[in-house]
Structures are given as structure tokens and as C-alpha cells.
Protein backbone atom coordinates (compact mmCIF):
# COMPACT_ATOMS: atom_id res chain seq x y z
CA MET A 1 10.27 13.83 -1.99
CA ARG A 2 7.09 11.99 -2.85
CA PRO A 3 7.10 9.44 -5.70
CA SER A 4 4.67 10.40 -8.43
CA GLU A 5 2.03 8.02 -9.71
CA PRO A 6 2.30 6.99 -13.35
CA VAL A 7 -0.44 8.47 -15.55
CA TRP A 8 -2.35 6.09 -17.80
CA PRO A 9 -3.58 7.36 -21.17
CA VAL A 10 -7.29 7.96 -21.79
CA CYS A 11 -8.61 4.88 -23.60
CA GLU A 12 -11.94 4.14 -25.22
CA PHE A 13 -13.44 0.71 -24.65
CA ALA A 14 -16.23 -0.82 -26.68
CA GLU A 15 -19.26 -2.20 -24.84
CA ALA A 16 -18.01 -5.76 -25.42
CA ASP A 17 -14.64 -4.98 -23.82
CA TYR A 18 -15.82 -3.99 -20.34
CA CYS A 19 -18.33 -5.13 -17.73
CA TYR A 20 -20.92 -3.70 -17.06
CA GLY A 21 -22.37 -0.86 -19.04
CA ILE A 22 -24.08 0.22 -22.23
CA GLY A 23 -22.19 1.72 -25.16
CA PRO A 24 -18.53 2.69 -25.46
CA ILE A 25 -16.76 4.34 -22.53
CA ARG A 26 -13.72 6.64 -22.31
CA LEU A 27 -11.68 5.96 -19.20
CA ARG A 28 -8.44 7.10 -17.56
CA VAL A 29 -7.24 4.13 -15.55
CA LEU A 30 -6.22 4.99 -11.99
CA ARG A 31 -5.41 1.49 -10.82
CA ALA A 32 -5.41 -1.94 -12.45
CA ASP A 33 -4.83 -5.19 -10.60
CA LEU A 34 -2.76 -6.95 -13.27
CA SER A 35 -1.55 -9.58 -10.81
CA LYS A 36 -5.02 -11.13 -10.45
CA PRO A 37 -6.60 -12.08 -13.79
CA ILE A 38 -10.32 -12.88 -13.53
CA PRO A 39 -11.87 -15.59 -15.73
CA HIS A 40 -15.28 -14.42 -16.99
CA ASP A 41 -17.37 -15.49 -20.00
CA GLY A 42 -14.58 -17.71 -21.33
CA ASP A 43 -12.02 -14.90 -21.43
CA THR A 44 -9.54 -13.22 -19.08
CA TRP A 45 -10.38 -9.86 -17.50
CA PHE A 46 -8.74 -7.45 -15.04
CA GLY A 47 -10.28 -5.39 -12.26
CA VAL A 48 -9.82 -1.68 -12.97
CA ARG A 49 -10.62 1.57 -11.17
CA GLY A 50 -10.76 4.65 -13.35
CA VAL A 51 -12.27 8.05 -14.07
CA VAL A 52 -14.85 8.32 -16.84
CA ILE A 53 -13.88 11.03 -19.36
CA ASP A 54 -16.62 12.75 -21.38
CA ARG A 55 -16.32 13.75 -25.06
CA ALA A 56 -15.13 17.24 -24.09
CA GLY A 57 -12.26 15.72 -22.08
CA ARG A 58 -13.69 16.57 -18.66
CA PRO A 59 -13.32 13.99 -15.86
CA GLY A 60 -16.50 12.54 -14.40
CA GLU A 61 -17.36 9.78 -11.98
CA VAL A 62 -14.94 7.15 -10.66
CA ARG A 63 -15.93 3.61 -11.65
CA GLU A 64 -14.72 0.12 -10.92
CA MET A 65 -15.16 -2.42 -13.71
CA LEU A 66 -13.72 -5.42 -15.46
CA ILE A 67 -11.81 -4.85 -18.71
CA ARG A 68 -10.93 -7.58 -21.19
CA ALA A 69 -7.23 -8.47 -20.89
CA GLY A 70 -6.64 -8.12 -24.62
CA ARG A 71 -7.87 -4.49 -24.56
CA MET A 72 -5.91 -3.31 -21.52
CA PRO A 73 -3.53 -0.46 -22.37
CA VAL A 74 0.17 -0.91 -21.66
CA PRO A 75 0.90 0.20 -18.09
CA PRO A 76 2.91 3.41 -17.89
CA ALA A 77 6.53 3.15 -16.84
CA CYS A 78 7.31 4.10 -13.26
CA LYS A 79 9.89 6.82 -13.40
CA ARG A 80 12.26 7.24 -10.53
CA PRO A 81 13.15 10.75 -9.46
CA ARG A 82 16.49 11.92 -10.75
CA LEU A 83 18.84 12.41 -7.84
CA ARG A 84 21.97 14.51 -8.11
CA VAL A 85 24.93 14.48 -5.83
CA LEU A 86 25.76 17.93 -4.50
CA ARG A 87 29.46 18.47 -4.07
CA SER A 88 31.03 21.36 -2.27
CA THR A 89 34.38 20.95 -4.00
CA PRO A 90 34.98 20.52 -7.73
CA VAL A 91 36.01 17.10 -8.93
């Protein structure tokens, strides 16, 4: 059994909330290094790797960027697989 990766929601970030790019961006976060905050321009940022999502909802290129800590979405919960005990005799 392989543990599944949690799926982050698609979020839209304003130009001021990510480095570096022009205009707002829609992104599905694949990985965020929340253990290593990065000071930049007098604020705290996190390194993120994600897939750019276009207006039609289609995935595009994978990008690495900095996102302002205050705009980071809540990380998804890691769900453990539900394991059941198989018994050959009734209890």
C-alpha cells in the first residue's frame, strides 16, 4: 500500500503575494517548505513548487516561487489509510 500525497487546493495569488512574476497567478501547490521561512523585503515568505492552472482549469507548467507567508493556504491534512483487521472467526 502506497501512502497518498495530500492535495492542496487551487489558490489565486496576487502579483504582490508571490515572487517573481507579472499579474495574478492560479497555482496548485505540490510542495511547500514550511519549515524554512525566508525573510525577503521585510516580510516572511516560503519556497513553493506548484503547477500553474489556467482559467479553464487545465494544468500548465511547474514553477518554483516564493509566496508570502500570510497568503499561504492551510496545508491539507495527511490521511492515514484505514486498516481493518481480518478475522477468520467471529468475535
